[in-house]
Amino acid sequence: MKSSFLSYFRASRVLNGLTDFLPIMTTLRQNKVSRLIQKELAEIFQKEMRNAFGSGLISVTHVFMSADMSFAKTYLSLFGVPDKEKTLDTIRKQVKEIRRFLGMRVGKQLRIVPEIAFFSDESADYVDKMEKVFSTLTISPEPKEEEQEAKPSKKKKAKE
């Protein structure tokens, strides 16, 4: 990866070992281009590259653009894939072909078709993990109102 690209990003928060990278400051143009790249990559994975990566569903969750629009950091969610790392490595090996498809789609709209780096988006896995934790929690019921009224209150009376 380009070291200059990493200077545009900072770690916004670390949550149980998962780090989200957010741009320091994005311009309106960067947001528009990142949405365009996200939409087009999603269509490429659904239509042109449907059978290239197995039977799973590939979802483009986030795209972050560098300031000069020459590099796109892309986060993918992989659903129904037995080995996510192997599938992500396969996607990374075919990045030239994916960029070629992207160039055919956005070549008239962008001056430079950006280089693409793919990363796994672990937010869906984190949500599943948290749902399992919440489902195992046992919460004791609240005491009934009758029991609370029966207990004397220990409030101090103010002296007049």
N, C-alpha and C. Protein backbone atom coordinates (compact mmCIF):
# COMPACT_ATOMS: atom_id res chain seq x y z
N MET A 1 0.82 -1.18 0.00
CA MET A 1 0.00 0.00 0.00
C MET A 1 0.86 1.24 0.00
N LYS A 2 0.26 2.32 -0.41
CA LYS A 2 0.99 3.57 -0.44
C LYS A 2 1.01 4.16 0.96
N SER A 3 2.18 4.62 1.38
CA SER A 3 2.27 5.22 2.70
C SER A 3 1.58 6.57 2.74
N SER A 4 1.55 7.28 1.59
CA SER A 4 0.86 8.58 1.57
C SER A 4 -0.64 8.41 1.75
N PHE A 5 -1.18 7.27 1.29
CA PHE A 5 -2.61 7.01 1.46
C PHE A 5 -2.95 6.87 2.93
N LEU A 6 -2.11 6.18 3.68
CA LEU A 6 -2.39 5.97 5.09
C LEU A 6 -2.34 7.26 5.89
N SER A 7 -1.64 8.27 5.38
CA SER A 7 -1.59 9.54 6.10
C SER A 7 -2.93 10.26 6.06
N TYR A 8 -3.81 9.91 5.13
CA TYR A 8 -5.11 10.55 5.05
C TYR A 8 -6.11 9.96 6.03
N PHE A 9 -5.76 8.86 6.64
CA PHE A 9 -6.69 8.17 7.51
C PHE A 9 -6.16 8.13 8.94
N ARG A 10 -7.06 8.12 9.87
CA ARG A 10 -6.69 7.95 11.26
C ARG A 10 -7.63 6.95 11.89
N ALA A 11 -7.17 6.31 12.93
CA ALA A 11 -8.04 5.37 13.61
C ALA A 11 -9.04 6.15 14.45
N SER A 12 -10.31 5.94 14.20
CA SER A 12 -11.32 6.70 14.92
C SER A 12 -11.69 6.04 16.23
N ARG A 13 -11.72 4.73 16.26
CA ARG A 13 -12.03 4.04 17.49
C ARG A 13 -11.56 2.59 17.39
N VAL A 14 -11.26 2.03 18.51
CA VAL A 14 -10.88 0.63 18.56
C VAL A 14 -11.90 -0.05 19.46
N LEU A 15 -12.57 -1.05 18.92
CA LEU A 15 -13.63 -1.71 19.64
C LEU A 15 -13.39 -3.22 19.57
N ASN A 16 -12.92 -3.79 20.67
CA ASN A 16 -12.63 -5.21 20.75
C ASN A 16 -11.70 -5.67 19.62
N GLY A 17 -10.68 -4.92 19.37
CA GLY A 17 -9.70 -5.32 18.37
C GLY A 17 -10.08 -4.96 16.95
N LEU A 18 -11.26 -4.43 16.72
CA LEU A 18 -11.67 -4.03 15.38
C LEU A 18 -11.43 -2.55 15.23
N THR A 19 -10.73 -2.16 14.20
CA THR A 19 -10.41 -0.75 14.01
C THR A 19 -11.15 -0.23 12.80
N ASP A 20 -11.85 0.86 12.97
CA ASP A 20 -12.51 1.53 11.85
C ASP A 20 -11.64 2.71 11.45
N PHE A 21 -11.43 2.87 10.17
CA PHE A 21 -10.66 4.00 9.68
C PHE A 21 -11.62 4.97 9.04
N LEU A 22 -11.56 6.19 9.48
CA LEU A 22 -12.37 7.24 8.89
C LEU A 22 -11.46 8.32 8.36
N PRO A 23 -11.82 8.91 7.24
CA PRO A 23 -10.99 9.98 6.72
C PRO A 23 -10.94 11.17 7.68
N ILE A 24 -9.82 11.85 7.68
CA ILE A 24 -9.69 13.02 8.54
C ILE A 24 -10.70 14.06 8.09
N MET A 25 -10.73 14.34 6.80
CA MET A 25 -11.67 15.31 6.27
C MET A 25 -11.96 14.95 4.83
N THR A 26 -13.20 14.66 4.53
CA THR A 26 -13.54 14.30 3.16
C THR A 26 -14.28 15.46 2.51
N THR A 27 -14.01 15.63 1.25
CA THR A 27 -14.67 16.67 0.49
C THR A 27 -15.94 16.10 -0.14
N LEU A 28 -16.75 16.97 -0.65
CA LEU A 28 -17.97 16.55 -1.31
C LEU A 28 -17.63 15.67 -2.52
N ARG A 29 -16.60 16.04 -3.24
CA ARG A 29 -16.17 15.25 -4.41
C ARG A 29 -15.73 13.84 -4.00
N GLN A 30 -14.97 13.73 -2.91
CA GLN A 30 -14.55 12.42 -2.43
C GLN A 30 -15.75 11.56 -2.07
N ASN A 31 -16.74 12.15 -1.43
CA ASN A 31 -17.94 11.40 -1.06
C ASN A 31 -18.71 10.92 -2.29
N LYS A 32 -18.83 11.78 -3.29
CA LYS A 32 -19.53 11.40 -4.51
C LYS A 32 -18.80 10.27 -5.24
N VAL A 33 -17.49 10.40 -5.35
CA VAL A 33 -16.71 9.37 -6.05
C VAL A 33 -16.74 8.06 -5.27
N SER A 34 -16.65 8.12 -3.95
CA SER A 34 -16.67 6.89 -3.17
C SER A 34 -18.02 6.18 -3.29
N ARG A 35 -19.12 6.93 -3.33
CA ARG A 35 -20.44 6.31 -3.53
C ARG A 35 -20.55 5.70 -4.93
N LEU A 36 -20.00 6.39 -5.94
CA LEU A 36 -20.02 5.86 -7.30
C LEU A 36 -19.22 4.56 -7.38
N ILE A 37 -18.01 4.57 -6.80
CA ILE A 37 -17.16 3.37 -6.82
C ILE A 37 -17.85 2.23 -6.08
N GLN A 38 -18.47 2.53 -4.93
CA GLN A 38 -19.16 1.51 -4.15
C GLN A 38 -20.30 0.87 -4.95
N LYS A 39 -21.10 1.70 -5.62
CA LYS A 39 -22.22 1.20 -6.41
C LYS A 39 -21.74 0.35 -7.58
N GLU A 40 -20.72 0.83 -8.27
CA GLU A 40 -20.23 0.10 -9.44
C GLU A 40 -19.53 -1.20 -9.04
N LEU A 41 -18.76 -1.18 -7.96
CA LEU A 41 -18.12 -2.42 -7.51
C LEU A 41 -19.16 -3.46 -7.09
N ALA A 42 -20.23 -3.01 -6.45
CA ALA A 42 -21.29 -3.94 -6.05
C ALA A 42 -21.91 -4.60 -7.28
N GLU A 43 -22.14 -3.81 -8.33
CA GLU A 43 -22.70 -4.38 -9.56
C GLU A 43 -21.71 -5.32 -10.24
N ILE A 44 -20.43 -4.98 -10.18
CA ILE A 44 -19.42 -5.87 -10.77
C ILE A 44 -19.40 -7.21 -10.06
N PHE A 45 -19.44 -7.19 -8.72
CA PHE A 45 -19.43 -8.44 -7.97
C PHE A 45 -20.72 -9.24 -8.20
N GLN A 46 -21.84 -8.57 -8.45
CA GLN A 46 -23.10 -9.28 -8.66
C GLN A 46 -23.25 -9.81 -10.08
N LYS A 47 -22.72 -9.08 -11.05
CA LYS A 47 -22.98 -9.46 -12.44
C LYS A 47 -21.78 -10.10 -13.12
N GLU A 48 -20.69 -9.36 -13.27
CA GLU A 48 -19.55 -9.88 -14.03
C GLU A 48 -18.77 -10.96 -13.28
N MET A 49 -18.60 -10.80 -11.97
CA MET A 49 -17.74 -11.70 -11.21
C MET A 49 -18.55 -12.66 -10.32
N ARG A 50 -19.81 -12.88 -10.66
CA ARG A 50 -20.70 -13.67 -9.81
C ARG A 50 -20.16 -15.07 -9.52
N ASN A 51 -19.66 -15.76 -10.51
CA ASN A 51 -19.21 -17.14 -10.33
C ASN A 51 -17.72 -17.25 -10.02
N ALA A 52 -17.01 -16.16 -10.00
CA ALA A 52 -15.56 -16.20 -9.81
C ALA A 52 -15.16 -16.49 -8.37
N PHE A 53 -16.03 -16.18 -7.42
CA PHE A 53 -15.66 -16.30 -6.02
C PHE A 53 -16.51 -17.29 -5.24
N GLY A 54 -17.16 -18.19 -5.90
CA GLY A 54 -17.95 -19.18 -5.20
C GLY A 54 -19.40 -18.76 -5.07
N SER A 55 -20.11 -19.42 -4.17
CA SER A 55 -21.55 -19.21 -4.07
C SER A 55 -21.95 -18.15 -3.05
N GLY A 56 -21.00 -17.53 -2.39
CA GLY A 56 -21.32 -16.55 -1.35
C GLY A 56 -21.74 -15.21 -1.91
N LEU A 57 -22.22 -14.37 -1.01
CA LEU A 57 -22.63 -13.02 -1.36
C LEU A 57 -21.55 -12.05 -0.92
N ILE A 58 -21.14 -11.18 -1.83
CA ILE A 58 -20.12 -10.18 -1.53
C ILE A 58 -20.80 -8.82 -1.54
N SER A 59 -20.68 -8.12 -0.43
CA SER A 59 -21.30 -6.81 -0.28
C SER A 59 -20.22 -5.76 -0.05
N VAL A 60 -20.29 -4.67 -0.79
CA VAL A 60 -19.33 -3.57 -0.63
C VAL A 60 -19.91 -2.63 0.43
N THR A 61 -19.29 -2.59 1.61
CA THR A 61 -19.87 -1.82 2.71
C THR A 61 -19.36 -0.38 2.76
N HIS A 62 -18.07 -0.16 2.55
CA HIS A 62 -17.50 1.18 2.61
C HIS A 62 -16.44 1.34 1.54
N VAL A 63 -16.32 2.54 1.01
CA VAL A 63 -15.22 2.90 0.12
C VAL A 63 -14.70 4.26 0.59
N PHE A 64 -13.41 4.32 0.87
CA PHE A 64 -12.78 5.57 1.27
C PHE A 64 -11.78 5.96 0.19
N MET A 65 -11.88 7.20 -0.29
CA MET A 65 -11.02 7.69 -1.37
C MET A 65 -9.89 8.53 -0.80
N SER A 66 -8.73 8.45 -1.45
CA SER A 66 -7.63 9.34 -1.09
C SER A 66 -7.95 10.74 -1.62
N ALA A 67 -7.21 11.72 -1.17
CA ALA A 67 -7.49 13.11 -1.55
C ALA A 67 -7.32 13.35 -3.04
N ASP A 68 -6.38 12.65 -3.68
CA ASP A 68 -6.17 12.84 -5.12
C ASP A 68 -7.00 11.89 -5.97
N MET A 69 -7.89 11.14 -5.36
CA MET A 69 -8.83 10.23 -6.03
C MET A 69 -8.14 9.09 -6.79
N SER A 70 -6.91 8.78 -6.43
CA SER A 70 -6.19 7.74 -7.15
C SER A 70 -6.16 6.41 -6.40
N PHE A 71 -6.72 6.37 -5.20
CA PHE A 71 -6.68 5.14 -4.41
C PHE A 71 -7.99 4.99 -3.66
N ALA A 72 -8.57 3.79 -3.72
CA ALA A 72 -9.83 3.51 -3.04
C ALA A 72 -9.62 2.36 -2.06
N LYS A 73 -9.86 2.63 -0.80
CA LYS A 73 -9.79 1.61 0.24
C LYS A 73 -11.20 1.06 0.41
N THR A 74 -11.39 -0.22 0.05
CA THR A 74 -12.71 -0.81 -0.06
C THR A 74 -12.89 -1.91 0.97
N TYR A 75 -14.01 -1.83 1.71
CA TYR A 75 -14.34 -2.84 2.72
C TYR A 75 -15.46 -3.72 2.19
N LEU A 76 -15.27 -5.04 2.31
CA LEU A 76 -16.22 -6.01 1.81
C LEU A 76 -16.76 -6.87 2.95
N SER A 77 -18.05 -7.18 2.90
CA SER A 77 -18.66 -8.16 3.79
C SER A 77 -18.91 -9.40 2.98
N LEU A 78 -18.49 -10.52 3.50
CA LEU A 78 -18.64 -11.80 2.80
C LEU A 78 -19.64 -12.66 3.57
N PHE A 79 -20.76 -12.99 2.92
CA PHE A 79 -21.81 -13.79 3.55
C PHE A 79 -21.91 -15.13 2.84
N GLY A 80 -22.07 -16.19 3.61
CA GLY A 80 -22.24 -17.52 3.03
C GLY A 80 -20.98 -18.08 2.41
N VAL A 81 -19.85 -17.58 2.86
CA VAL A 81 -18.57 -18.04 2.34
C VAL A 81 -17.91 -18.89 3.42
N PRO A 82 -17.50 -20.12 3.10
CA PRO A 82 -16.91 -20.97 4.15
C PRO A 82 -15.58 -20.44 4.68
N ASP A 83 -14.71 -19.95 3.81
CA ASP A 83 -13.41 -19.44 4.24
C ASP A 83 -13.26 -18.01 3.73
N LYS A 84 -13.48 -17.05 4.62
CA LYS A 84 -13.48 -15.64 4.23
C LYS A 84 -12.10 -15.15 3.81
N GLU A 85 -11.07 -15.58 4.50
CA GLU A 85 -9.71 -15.13 4.16
C GLU A 85 -9.28 -15.63 2.79
N LYS A 86 -9.62 -16.86 2.47
CA LYS A 86 -9.27 -17.42 1.16
C LYS A 86 -10.00 -16.67 0.05
N THR A 87 -11.28 -16.37 0.28
CA THR A 87 -12.06 -15.62 -0.72
C THR A 87 -11.52 -14.21 -0.89
N LEU A 88 -11.14 -13.57 0.22
CA LEU A 88 -10.58 -12.23 0.15
C LEU A 88 -9.23 -12.24 -0.58
N ASP A 89 -8.42 -13.26 -0.37
CA ASP A 89 -7.16 -13.39 -1.11
C ASP A 89 -7.41 -13.58 -2.61
N THR A 90 -8.44 -14.35 -2.95
CA THR A 90 -8.79 -14.54 -4.36
C THR A 90 -9.22 -13.22 -4.99
N ILE A 91 -10.00 -12.43 -4.24
CA ILE A 91 -10.43 -11.12 -4.74
C ILE A 91 -9.21 -10.22 -4.94
N ARG A 92 -8.29 -10.25 -4.00
CA ARG A 92 -7.08 -9.42 -4.11
C ARG A 92 -6.22 -9.84 -5.30
N LYS A 93 -6.20 -11.12 -5.63
CA LYS A 93 -5.42 -11.58 -6.78
C LYS A 93 -6.05 -11.14 -8.09
N GLN A 94 -7.35 -10.94 -8.11
CA GLN A 94 -8.04 -10.54 -9.34
C GLN A 94 -8.34 -9.05 -9.38
N VAL A 95 -7.59 -8.26 -8.61
CA VAL A 95 -7.85 -6.82 -8.52
C VAL A 95 -7.65 -6.12 -9.87
N LYS A 96 -6.75 -6.61 -10.70
CA LYS A 96 -6.54 -5.98 -12.01
C LYS A 96 -7.77 -6.14 -12.91
N GLU A 97 -8.36 -7.33 -12.88
CA GLU A 97 -9.55 -7.57 -13.68
C GLU A 97 -10.74 -6.75 -13.15
N ILE A 98 -10.85 -6.66 -11.84
CA ILE A 98 -11.93 -5.87 -11.23
C ILE A 98 -11.75 -4.39 -11.59
N ARG A 99 -10.51 -3.91 -11.57
CA ARG A 99 -10.24 -2.52 -11.92
C ARG A 99 -10.53 -2.26 -13.40
N ARG A 100 -10.28 -3.25 -14.24
CA ARG A 100 -10.59 -3.12 -15.66
C ARG A 100 -12.10 -2.99 -15.86
N PHE A 101 -12.89 -3.83 -15.18
CA PHE A 101 -14.35 -3.71 -15.25
C PHE A 101 -14.81 -2.36 -14.73
N LEU A 102 -14.18 -1.89 -13.65
CA LEU A 102 -14.53 -0.59 -13.08
C LEU A 102 -14.20 0.52 -14.07
N GLY A 103 -13.07 0.40 -14.74
CA GLY A 103 -12.68 1.40 -15.74
C GLY A 103 -13.65 1.48 -16.90
N MET A 104 -14.19 0.33 -17.32
CA MET A 104 -15.17 0.33 -18.40
C MET A 104 -16.46 1.03 -17.97
N ARG A 105 -16.77 0.98 -16.68
CA ARG A 105 -18.02 1.57 -16.18
C ARG A 105 -17.88 3.06 -15.85
N VAL A 106 -16.75 3.47 -15.25
CA VAL A 106 -16.62 4.85 -14.78
C VAL A 106 -15.55 5.63 -15.54
N GLY A 107 -15.03 5.07 -16.62
CA GLY A 107 -13.96 5.72 -17.36
C GLY A 107 -14.32 7.08 -17.91
N LYS A 108 -15.57 7.30 -18.26
CA LYS A 108 -16.00 8.59 -18.80
C LYS A 108 -16.29 9.61 -17.70
N GLN A 109 -16.48 9.14 -16.47
CA GLN A 109 -16.83 10.03 -15.36
C GLN A 109 -15.63 10.47 -14.54
N LEU A 110 -14.59 9.64 -14.51
CA LEU A 110 -13.41 9.94 -13.71
C LEU A 110 -12.18 10.06 -14.59
N ARG A 111 -11.31 10.95 -14.23
CA ARG A 111 -10.06 11.12 -14.97
C ARG A 111 -9.15 9.93 -14.75
N ILE A 112 -9.05 9.49 -13.50
CA ILE A 112 -8.19 8.36 -13.13
C ILE A 112 -9.06 7.28 -12.51
N VAL A 113 -8.95 6.05 -13.02
CA VAL A 113 -9.61 4.93 -12.37
C VAL A 113 -8.73 4.55 -11.18
N PRO A 114 -9.26 4.63 -9.97
CA PRO A 114 -8.40 4.46 -8.80
C PRO A 114 -7.89 3.03 -8.62
N GLU A 115 -6.73 2.93 -8.00
CA GLU A 115 -6.24 1.63 -7.55
C GLU A 115 -7.14 1.21 -6.40
N ILE A 116 -7.36 -0.10 -6.28
CA ILE A 116 -8.30 -0.58 -5.28
C ILE A 116 -7.57 -1.53 -4.32
N ALA A 117 -7.82 -1.33 -3.03
CA ALA A 117 -7.34 -2.26 -2.01
C ALA A 117 -8.56 -2.79 -1.28
N PHE A 118 -8.63 -4.11 -1.13
CA PHE A 118 -9.79 -4.73 -0.50
C PHE A 118 -9.44 -5.18 0.92
N PHE A 119 -10.39 -4.91 1.83
CA PHE A 119 -10.24 -5.31 3.22
C PHE A 119 -11.55 -5.93 3.68
N SER A 120 -11.46 -6.79 4.66
CA SER A 120 -12.65 -7.44 5.20
C SER A 120 -13.32 -6.54 6.22
N ASP A 121 -14.62 -6.40 6.09
CA ASP A 121 -15.41 -5.61 7.05
C ASP A 121 -15.96 -6.58 8.09
N GLU A 122 -15.48 -6.46 9.30
CA GLU A 122 -15.83 -7.39 10.36
C GLU A 122 -17.04 -6.94 11.18
N SER A 123 -17.71 -5.88 10.77
CA SER A 123 -18.81 -5.36 11.58
C SER A 123 -19.97 -6.34 11.67
N ALA A 124 -20.29 -7.07 10.61
CA ALA A 124 -21.38 -8.04 10.66
C ALA A 124 -21.04 -9.19 11.61
N ASP A 125 -19.78 -9.63 11.60
CA ASP A 125 -19.36 -10.69 12.52
C ASP A 125 -19.44 -10.19 13.96
N TYR A 126 -19.08 -8.94 14.16
CA TYR A 126 -19.14 -8.36 15.50
C TYR A 126 -20.59 -8.27 15.99
N VAL A 127 -21.50 -7.91 15.10
CA VAL A 127 -22.92 -7.85 15.46
C VAL A 127 -23.43 -9.23 15.84
N ASP A 128 -23.07 -10.26 15.08
CA ASP A 128 -23.48 -11.63 15.41
C ASP A 128 -22.94 -12.06 16.77
N LYS A 129 -21.70 -11.71 17.03
CA LYS A 129 -21.08 -12.06 18.30
C LYS A 129 -21.81 -11.39 19.46
N MET A 130 -22.14 -10.10 19.29
CA MET A 130 -22.84 -9.38 20.36
C MET A 130 -24.26 -9.90 20.56
N GLU A 131 -24.93 -10.30 19.49
CA GLU A 131 -26.27 -10.87 19.62
C GLU A 131 -26.24 -12.18 20.40
N LYS A 132 -25.20 -12.99 20.18
CA LYS A 132 -25.06 -14.23 20.94
C LYS A 132 -24.81 -13.93 22.42
N VAL A 133 -24.00 -12.92 22.69
CA VAL A 133 -23.74 -12.55 24.08
C VAL A 133 -25.02 -12.07 24.75
N PHE A 134 -25.78 -11.23 24.07
CA PHE A 134 -27.01 -10.71 24.64
C PHE A 134 -28.06 -11.80 24.85
N SER A 135 -28.07 -12.80 23.96
CA SER A 135 -29.06 -13.87 24.11
C SER A 135 -28.73 -14.77 25.29
N THR A 136 -27.46 -14.85 25.70
CA THR A 136 -27.10 -15.69 26.84
C THR A 136 -27.26 -14.98 28.17
N LEU A 137 -27.47 -13.68 28.15
CA LEU A 137 -27.63 -12.93 29.40
C LEU A 137 -28.96 -13.28 30.07
N THR A 138 -28.92 -13.41 31.38
CA THR A 138 -30.14 -13.59 32.15
C THR A 138 -30.33 -12.36 33.01
N ILE A 139 -31.45 -11.74 32.85
CA ILE A 139 -31.74 -10.52 33.58
C ILE A 139 -32.81 -10.84 34.61
N SER A 140 -32.51 -10.55 35.86
CA SER A 140 -33.48 -10.83 36.91
C SER A 140 -34.66 -9.86 36.79
N PRO A 141 -35.86 -10.35 37.10
CA PRO A 141 -37.03 -9.47 36.98
C PRO A 141 -36.99 -8.37 38.02
N GLU A 142 -37.63 -7.26 37.69
CA GLU A 142 -37.69 -6.14 38.62
C GLU A 142 -38.61 -6.50 39.78
N PRO A 143 -38.33 -5.97 40.98
CA PRO A 143 -39.24 -6.25 42.10
C PRO A 143 -40.59 -5.60 41.84
N LYS A 144 -41.61 -6.26 42.32
CA LYS A 144 -42.97 -5.77 42.11
C LYS A 144 -43.18 -4.51 42.93
N GLU A 145 -44.17 -3.74 42.53
CA GLU A 145 -44.46 -2.48 43.21
C GLU A 145 -44.88 -2.70 44.66
N GLU A 146 -45.58 -3.80 44.94
CA GLU A 146 -46.03 -4.10 46.30
C GLU A 146 -44.85 -4.28 47.24
N GLU A 147 -43.81 -4.97 46.75
CA GLU A 147 -42.63 -5.21 47.57
C GLU A 147 -41.89 -3.91 47.84
N GLN A 148 -41.86 -3.01 46.88
CA GLN A 148 -41.17 -1.75 47.07
C GLN A 148 -41.90 -0.86 48.07
N GLU A 149 -43.23 -0.89 48.05
CA GLU A 149 -44.01 -0.07 48.97
C GLU A 149 -43.91 -0.61 50.39
N ALA A 150 -43.75 -1.90 50.56
CA ALA A 150 -43.67 -2.51 51.89
C ALA A 150 -42.40 -2.12 52.62
N LYS A 151 -41.34 -1.87 51.88
CA LYS A 151 -40.07 -1.50 52.50
C LYS A 151 -40.15 -0.05 52.96
N PRO A 152 -39.72 0.22 54.20
CA PRO A 152 -39.74 1.62 54.67
C PRO A 152 -38.65 2.42 53.98
N SER A 153 -38.97 3.64 53.69
CA SER A 153 -37.97 4.49 53.07
C SER A 153 -37.16 5.16 54.15
N LYS A 154 -35.89 5.35 53.88
CA LYS A 154 -34.96 5.91 54.84
C LYS A 154 -34.56 7.33 54.45
N LYS A 155 -35.55 8.12 54.17
CA LYS A 155 -35.26 9.49 53.78
C LYS A 155 -35.16 10.35 55.05
N LYS A 156 -34.22 11.23 55.07
CA LYS A 156 -34.05 12.13 56.20
C LYS A 156 -34.99 13.31 56.04
N LYS A 157 -35.62 13.67 57.14
CA LYS A 157 -36.52 14.81 57.11
C LYS A 157 -35.70 16.08 57.33
N ALA A 158 -36.04 17.07 56.56
CA ALA A 158 -35.31 18.32 56.67
C ALA A 158 -35.79 19.06 57.91
N LYS A 159 -34.83 19.64 58.66
CA LYS A 159 -35.18 20.41 59.87
C LYS A 159 -35.69 21.78 59.44
N GLU A 160 -36.71 22.22 60.14
CA GLU A 160 -37.30 23.51 59.81
C GLU A 160 -36.70 24.61 60.62
